[in-house]
Amino acid sequence: MLLSALASDIPAKKRLADTQDTDGNTALMLAVTHSSINIIQTICAHPDTDFSLTNNASDTALTIAEKAADEMF
């Protein structure tokens, strides 16, 4: 459902991609957390995605990915 919503019209895509949940996580942060590559690619391809947003733990999607990579190795 999220992927189909992101593939729809551009204004709705921007609103959805940058909307934050109660923990401050965006769709991109959640996709990174769950290693959802197709969703990550879709969100990252949108030119208006705000990669600087932080969650309540002050993490961006990139820092979440870095922490996950550190845990893997």
PDB file of N, CA and C in Angstrom:
ATOM      1  N   MET A   1       0.824  -1.191   0.000  1.00  0.00           N
ATOM      2  CA  MET A   1       0.000   0.000   0.000  1.00  0.00           C
ATOM      3  C   MET A   1       0.873   1.262   0.000  1.00  0.00           C
ATOM      4  N   LEU A   2       1.895   1.293   0.855  1.00  0.00           N
ATOM      5  CA  LEU A   2       2.775   2.454   0.903  1.00  0.00           C
ATOM      6  C   LEU A   2       3.440   2.685  -0.434  1.00  0.00           C
ATOM      7  N   LEU A   3       3.945   1.627  -1.048  1.00  0.00           N
ATOM      8  CA  LEU A   3       4.625   1.765  -2.336  1.00  0.00           C
ATOM      9  C   LEU A   3       3.680   2.284  -3.399  1.00  0.00           C
ATOM     10  N   SER A   4       2.446   1.791  -3.432  1.00  0.00           N
ATOM     11  CA  SER A   4       1.498   2.271  -4.439  1.00  0.00           C
ATOM     12  C   SER A   4       1.130   3.729  -4.185  1.00  0.00           C
ATOM     13  N   ALA A   5       1.047   4.125  -2.929  1.00  0.00           N
ATOM     14  CA  ALA A   5       0.755   5.526  -2.619  1.00  0.00           C
ATOM     15  C   ALA A   5       1.916   6.415  -3.043  1.00  0.00           C
ATOM     16  N   LEU A   6       3.137   5.956  -2.841  1.00  0.00           N
ATOM     17  CA  LEU A   6       4.299   6.737  -3.234  1.00  0.00           C
ATOM     18  C   LEU A   6       4.429   6.843  -4.744  1.00  0.00           C
ATOM     19  N   ALA A   7       3.895   5.862  -5.466  1.00  0.00           N
ATOM     20  CA  ALA A   7       3.982   5.868  -6.926  1.00  0.00           C
ATOM     21  C   ALA A   7       2.909   6.733  -7.562  1.00  0.00           C
ATOM     22  N   SER A   8       1.993   7.280  -6.756  1.00  0.00           N
ATOM     23  CA  SER A   8       0.915   8.097  -7.294  1.00  0.00           C
ATOM     24  C   SER A   8       1.388   9.533  -7.532  1.00  0.00           C
ATOM     25  N   ASP A   9       0.479  10.466  -7.453  1.00  0.00           N
ATOM     26  CA  ASP A   9       0.806  11.847  -7.809  1.00  0.00           C
ATOM     27  C   ASP A   9       1.910  12.444  -6.937  1.00  0.00           C
ATOM     28  N   ILE A  10       2.650  13.383  -7.496  1.00  0.00           N
ATOM     29  CA  ILE A  10       3.841  13.949  -6.852  1.00  0.00           C
ATOM     30  C   ILE A  10       3.524  14.686  -5.557  1.00  0.00           C
ATOM     31  N   PRO A  11       2.528  15.566  -5.477  1.00  0.00           N
ATOM     32  CA  PRO A  11       2.289  16.248  -4.199  1.00  0.00           C
ATOM     33  C   PRO A  11       1.974  15.278  -3.058  1.00  0.00           C
ATOM     34  N   ALA A  12       1.188  14.265  -3.336  1.00  0.00           N
ATOM     35  CA  ALA A  12       0.870  13.286  -2.289  1.00  0.00           C
ATOM     36  C   ALA A  12       2.106  12.505  -1.899  1.00  0.00           C
ATOM     37  N   LYS A  13       2.964  12.216  -2.864  1.00  0.00           N
ATOM     38  CA  LYS A  13       4.203  11.488  -2.592  1.00  0.00           C
ATOM     39  C   LYS A  13       5.077  12.272  -1.622  1.00  0.00           C
ATOM     40  N   LYS A  14       5.224  13.562  -1.839  1.00  0.00           N
ATOM     41  CA  LYS A  14       6.049  14.384  -0.965  1.00  0.00           C
ATOM     42  C   LYS A  14       5.471  14.401   0.438  1.00  0.00           C
ATOM     43  N   ARG A  15       4.188  14.620   0.556  1.00  0.00           N
ATOM     44  CA  ARG A  15       3.565  14.660   1.878  1.00  0.00           C
ATOM     45  C   ARG A  15       3.760  13.332   2.600  1.00  0.00           C
ATOM     46  N   LEU A  16       3.561  12.233   1.907  1.00  0.00           N
ATOM     47  CA  LEU A  16       3.675  10.926   2.518  1.00  0.00           C
ATOM     48  C   LEU A  16       5.123  10.621   2.886  1.00  0.00           C
ATOM     49  N   ALA A  17       6.052  10.928   2.009  1.00  0.00           N
ATOM     50  CA  ALA A  17       7.451  10.606   2.261  1.00  0.00           C
ATOM     51  C   ALA A  17       8.008  11.374   3.458  1.00  0.00           C
ATOM     52  N   ASP A  18       7.559  12.584   3.692  1.00  0.00           N
ATOM     53  CA  ASP A  18       8.100  13.392   4.770  1.00  0.00           C
ATOM     54  C   ASP A  18       7.231  13.429   6.025  1.00  0.00           C
ATOM     55  N   THR A  19       6.115  12.716   6.016  1.00  0.00           N
ATOM     56  CA  THR A  19       5.273  12.635   7.202  1.00  0.00           C
ATOM     57  C   THR A  19       5.994  11.828   8.267  1.00  0.00           C
ATOM     58  N   GLN A  20       5.909  12.283   9.511  1.00  0.00           N
ATOM     59  CA  GLN A  20       6.580  11.602  10.600  1.00  0.00           C
ATOM     60  C   GLN A  20       5.567  10.984  11.558  1.00  0.00           C
ATOM     61  N   ASP A  21       5.898   9.780  12.065  1.00  0.00           N
ATOM     62  CA  ASP A  21       5.033   9.111  13.031  1.00  0.00           C
ATOM     63  C   ASP A  21       5.312   9.657  14.436  1.00  0.00           C
ATOM     64  N   THR A  22       4.723   9.054  15.454  1.00  0.00           N
ATOM     65  CA  THR A  22       4.882   9.564  16.824  1.00  0.00           C
ATOM     66  C   THR A  22       6.316   9.470  17.329  1.00  0.00           C
ATOM     67  N   ASP A  23       7.127   8.605  16.712  1.00  0.00           N
ATOM     68  CA  ASP A  23       8.539   8.502  17.071  1.00  0.00           C
ATOM     69  C   ASP A  23       9.410   9.405  16.196  1.00  0.00           C
ATOM     70  N   GLY A  24       8.763  10.134  15.311  1.00  0.00           N
ATOM     71  CA  GLY A  24       9.482  11.038  14.428  1.00  0.00           C
ATOM     72  C   GLY A  24      10.032  10.380  13.173  1.00  0.00           C
ATOM     73  N   ASN A  25       9.735   9.095  12.963  1.00  0.00           N
ATOM     74  CA  ASN A  25      10.253   8.375  11.804  1.00  0.00           C
ATOM     75  C   ASN A  25       9.445   8.690  10.546  1.00  0.00           C
ATOM     76  N   THR A  26      10.166   8.862   9.441  1.00  0.00           N
ATOM     77  CA  THR A  26       9.538   9.049   8.137  1.00  0.00           C
ATOM     78  C   THR A  26       9.398   7.683   7.457  1.00  0.00           C
ATOM     79  N   ALA A  27       8.726   7.670   6.329  1.00  0.00           N
ATOM     80  CA  ALA A  27       8.600   6.430   5.562  1.00  0.00           C
ATOM     81  C   ALA A  27       9.974   5.905   5.158  1.00  0.00           C
ATOM     82  N   LEU A  28      10.879   6.826   4.818  1.00  0.00           N
ATOM     83  CA  LEU A  28      12.232   6.404   4.444  1.00  0.00           C
ATOM     84  C   LEU A  28      12.946   5.760   5.624  1.00  0.00           C
ATOM     85  N   MET A  29      12.836   6.334   6.787  1.00  0.00           N
ATOM     86  CA  MET A  29      13.471   5.757   7.974  1.00  0.00           C
ATOM     87  C   MET A  29      12.935   4.355   8.264  1.00  0.00           C
ATOM     88  N   LEU A  30      11.625   4.201   8.142  1.00  0.00           N
ATOM     89  CA  LEU A  30      11.025   2.887   8.386  1.00  0.00           C
ATOM     90  C   LEU A  30      11.436   1.886   7.316  1.00  0.00           C
ATOM     91  N   ALA A  31      11.529   2.339   6.071  1.00  0.00           N
ATOM     92  CA  ALA A  31      11.968   1.456   4.993  1.00  0.00           C
ATOM     93  C   ALA A  31      13.403   1.009   5.215  1.00  0.00           C
ATOM     94  N   VAL A  32      14.245   1.929   5.669  1.00  0.00           N
ATOM     95  CA  VAL A  32      15.639   1.583   5.974  1.00  0.00           C
ATOM     96  C   VAL A  32      15.685   0.585   7.118  1.00  0.00           C
ATOM     97  N   THR A  33      14.918   0.830   8.151  1.00  0.00           N
ATOM     98  CA  THR A  33      14.880  -0.063   9.312  1.00  0.00           C
ATOM     99  C   THR A  33      14.494  -1.481   8.914  1.00  0.00           C
ATOM    100  N   HIS A  34      13.584  -1.598   7.952  1.00  0.00           N
ATOM    101  CA  HIS A  34      13.084  -2.915   7.531  1.00  0.00           C
ATOM    102  C   HIS A  34      13.742  -3.418   6.246  1.00  0.00           C
ATOM    103  N   SER A  35      14.796  -2.735   5.812  1.00  0.00           N
ATOM    104  CA  SER A  35      15.547  -3.128   4.601  1.00  0.00           C
ATOM    105  C   SER A  35      14.646  -3.316   3.384  1.00  0.00           C
ATOM    106  N   SER A  36      13.694  -2.424   3.224  1.00  0.00           N
ATOM    107  CA  SER A  36      12.749  -2.487   2.103  1.00  0.00           C
ATOM    108  C   SER A  36      13.322  -1.714   0.917  1.00  0.00           C
ATOM    109  N   ILE A  37      14.170  -2.400   0.156  1.00  0.00           N
ATOM    110  CA  ILE A  37      14.945  -1.762  -0.906  1.00  0.00           C
ATOM    111  C   ILE A  37      14.063  -1.055  -1.940  1.00  0.00           C
ATOM    112  N   ASN A  38      12.980  -1.680  -2.388  1.00  0.00           N
ATOM    113  CA  ASN A  38      12.107  -1.053  -3.404  1.00  0.00           C
ATOM    114  C   ASN A  38      11.507   0.249  -2.898  1.00  0.00           C
ATOM    115  N   ILE A  39      11.094   0.250  -1.644  1.00  0.00           N
ATOM    116  CA  ILE A  39      10.510   1.467  -1.076  1.00  0.00           C
ATOM    117  C   ILE A  39      11.585   2.526  -0.897  1.00  0.00           C
ATOM    118  N   ILE A  40      12.775   2.126  -0.419  1.00  0.00           N
ATOM    119  CA  ILE A  40      13.887   3.069  -0.275  1.00  0.00           C
ATOM    120  C   ILE A  40      14.198   3.720  -1.621  1.00  0.00           C
ATOM    121  N   GLN A  41      14.291   2.925  -2.675  1.00  0.00           N
ATOM    122  CA  GLN A  41      14.585   3.464  -4.008  1.00  0.00           C
ATOM    123  C   GLN A  41      13.507   4.426  -4.482  1.00  0.00           C
ATOM    124  N   THR A  42      12.250   4.084  -4.250  1.00  0.00           N
ATOM    125  CA  THR A  42      11.141   4.931  -4.678  1.00  0.00           C
ATOM    126  C   THR A  42      11.173   6.276  -3.961  1.00  0.00           C
ATOM    127  N   ILE A  43      11.374   6.243  -2.649  1.00  0.00           N
ATOM    128  CA  ILE A  43      11.400   7.489  -1.877  1.00  0.00           C
ATOM    129  C   ILE A  43      12.628   8.322  -2.253  1.00  0.00           C
ATOM    130  N   CYS A  44      13.777   7.681  -2.372  1.00  0.00           N
ATOM    131  CA  CYS A  44      15.011   8.411  -2.705  1.00  0.00           C
ATOM    132  C   CYS A  44      14.964   9.019  -4.101  1.00  0.00           C
ATOM    133  N   ALA A  45      14.214   8.417  -5.000  1.00  0.00           N
ATOM    134  CA  ALA A  45      14.111   8.929  -6.368  1.00  0.00           C
ATOM    135  C   ALA A  45      13.282  10.199  -6.452  1.00  0.00           C
ATOM    136  N   HIS A  46      12.477  10.471  -5.447  1.00  0.00           N
ATOM    137  CA  HIS A  46      11.641  11.666  -5.475  1.00  0.00           C
ATOM    138  C   HIS A  46      12.502  12.887  -5.155  1.00  0.00           C
ATOM    139  N   PRO A  47      12.513  13.881  -6.031  1.00  0.00           N
ATOM    140  CA  PRO A  47      13.414  15.030  -5.857  1.00  0.00           C
ATOM    141  C   PRO A  47      13.134  15.882  -4.624  1.00  0.00           C
ATOM    142  N   ASP A  48      11.940  15.796  -4.065  1.00  0.00           N
ATOM    143  CA  ASP A  48      11.602  16.638  -2.911  1.00  0.00           C
ATOM    144  C   ASP A  48      11.735  15.920  -1.574  1.00  0.00           C
ATOM    145  N   THR A  49      12.250  14.695  -1.563  1.00  0.00           N
ATOM    146  CA  THR A  49      12.424  13.980  -0.302  1.00  0.00           C
ATOM    147  C   THR A  49      13.422  14.742   0.561  1.00  0.00           C
ATOM    148  N   ASP A  50      13.048  14.954   1.809  1.00  0.00           N
ATOM    149  CA  ASP A  50      13.906  15.687   2.746  1.00  0.00           C
ATOM    150  C   ASP A  50      14.744  14.684   3.533  1.00  0.00           C
ATOM    151  N   PHE A  51      15.991  14.530   3.143  1.00  0.00           N
ATOM    152  CA  PHE A  51      16.893  13.570   3.780  1.00  0.00           C
ATOM    153  C   PHE A  51      17.438  14.085   5.110  1.00  0.00           C
ATOM    154  N   SER A  52      17.180  15.332   5.424  1.00  0.00           N
ATOM    155  CA  SER A  52      17.720  15.924   6.653  1.00  0.00           C
ATOM    156  C   SER A  52      16.789  15.770   7.857  1.00  0.00           C
ATOM    157  N   LEU A  53      15.586  15.254   7.652  1.00  0.00           N
ATOM    158  CA  LEU A  53      14.658  15.097   8.771  1.00  0.00           C
ATOM    159  C   LEU A  53      15.236  14.139   9.798  1.00  0.00           C
ATOM    160  N   THR A  54      15.000  14.450  11.065  1.00  0.00           N
ATOM    161  CA  THR A  54      15.458  13.583  12.149  1.00  0.00           C
ATOM    162  C   THR A  54      14.268  13.071  12.942  1.00  0.00           C
ATOM    163  N   ASN A  55      14.448  11.897  13.525  1.00  0.00           N
ATOM    164  CA  ASN A  55      13.408  11.343  14.384  1.00  0.00           C
ATOM    165  C   ASN A  55      13.630  11.810  15.824  1.00  0.00           C
ATOM    166  N   ASN A  56      12.851  11.288  16.757  1.00  0.00           N
ATOM    167  CA  ASN A  56      12.949  11.719  18.151  1.00  0.00           C
ATOM    168  C   ASN A  56      14.283  11.345  18.791  1.00  0.00           C
ATOM    169  N   ALA A  57      15.017  10.418  18.183  1.00  0.00           N
ATOM    170  CA  ALA A  57      16.344  10.030  18.675  1.00  0.00           C
ATOM    171  C   ALA A  57      17.446  10.815  17.953  1.00  0.00           C
ATOM    172  N   SER A  58      17.051  11.824  17.185  1.00  0.00           N
ATOM    173  CA  SER A  58      17.965  12.680  16.413  1.00  0.00           C
ATOM    174  C   SER A  58      18.683  11.935  15.295  1.00  0.00           C
ATOM    175  N   ASP A  59      18.099  10.842  14.814  1.00  0.00           N
ATOM    176  CA  ASP A  59      18.670  10.072  13.707  1.00  0.00           C
ATOM    177  C   ASP A  59      18.020  10.472  12.386  1.00  0.00           C
ATOM    178  N   THR A  60      18.827  10.539  11.327  1.00  0.00           N
ATOM    179  CA  THR A  60      18.309  10.664   9.971  1.00  0.00           C
ATOM    180  C   THR A  60      18.216   9.259   9.388  1.00  0.00           C
ATOM    181  N   ALA A  61      17.662   9.139   8.198  1.00  0.00           N
ATOM    182  CA  ALA A  61      17.609   7.823   7.550  1.00  0.00           C
ATOM    183  C   ALA A  61      19.022   7.288   7.338  1.00  0.00           C
ATOM    184  N   LEU A  62      19.967   8.180   7.031  1.00  0.00           N
ATOM    185  CA  LEU A  62      21.350   7.757   6.812  1.00  0.00           C
ATOM    186  C   LEU A  62      21.977   7.228   8.098  1.00  0.00           C
ATOM    187  N   THR A  63      21.763   7.911   9.211  1.00  0.00           N
ATOM    188  CA  THR A  63      22.359   7.415  10.455  1.00  0.00           C
ATOM    189  C   THR A  63      21.722   6.102  10.887  1.00  0.00           C
ATOM    190  N   ILE A  64      20.447   5.918  10.592  1.00  0.00           N
ATOM    191  CA  ILE A  64      19.791   4.632  10.879  1.00  0.00           C
ATOM    192  C   ILE A  64      20.442   3.531  10.050  1.00  0.00           C
ATOM    193  N   ALA A  65      20.701   3.821   8.776  1.00  0.00           N
ATOM    194  CA  ALA A  65      21.352   2.836   7.901  1.00  0.00           C
ATOM    195  C   ALA A  65      22.769   2.543   8.380  1.00  0.00           C
ATOM    196  N   GLU A  66      23.489   3.573   8.795  1.00  0.00           N
ATOM    197  CA  GLU A  66      24.860   3.377   9.294  1.00  0.00           C
ATOM    198  C   GLU A  66      24.876   2.504  10.538  1.00  0.00           C
ATOM    199  N   LYS A  67      23.944   2.740  11.451  1.00  0.00           N
ATOM    200  CA  LYS A  67      23.872   1.932  12.675  1.00  0.00           C
ATOM    201  C   LYS A  67      23.543   0.482  12.350  1.00  0.00           C
ATOM    202  N   ALA A  68      22.644   0.285  11.399  1.00  0.00           N
ATOM    203  CA  ALA A  68      22.292  -1.087  10.990  1.00  0.00           C
ATOM    204  C   ALA A  68      23.481  -1.789  10.369  1.00  0.00           C
ATOM    205  N   ALA A  69      24.264  -1.068   9.553  1.00  0.00           N
ATOM    206  CA  ALA A  69      25.449  -1.655   8.940  1.00  0.00           C
ATOM    207  C   ALA A  69      26.490  -1.992   9.990  1.00  0.00           C
ATOM    208  N   ASP A  70      26.661  -1.135  10.977  1.00  0.00           N
ATOM    209  CA  ASP A  70      27.615  -1.396  12.057  1.00  0.00           C
ATOM    210  C   ASP A  70      27.243  -2.657  12.831  1.00  0.00           C
ATOM    211  N   GLU A  71      25.935  -2.855  13.037  1.00  0.00           N
ATOM    212  CA  GLU A  71      25.465  -4.031  13.763  1.00  0.00           C
ATOM    213  C   GLU A  71      25.679  -5.309  12.965  1.00  0.00           C
ATOM    214  N   MET A  72      25.707  -5.193  11.639  1.00  0.00           N
ATOM    215  CA  MET A  72      25.888  -6.364  10.785  1.00  0.00           C
ATOM    216  C   MET A  72      27.329  -6.857  10.792  1.00  0.00           C
ATOM    217  N   PHE A  73      28.264  -5.959  11.041  1.00  0.00           N
ATOM    218  CA  PHE A  73      29.680  -6.332  10.940  1.00  0.00           C
ATOM    219  C   PHE A  73      30.369  -6.272  12.262  1.00  0.00           C
TER     220      PHE A  73
END
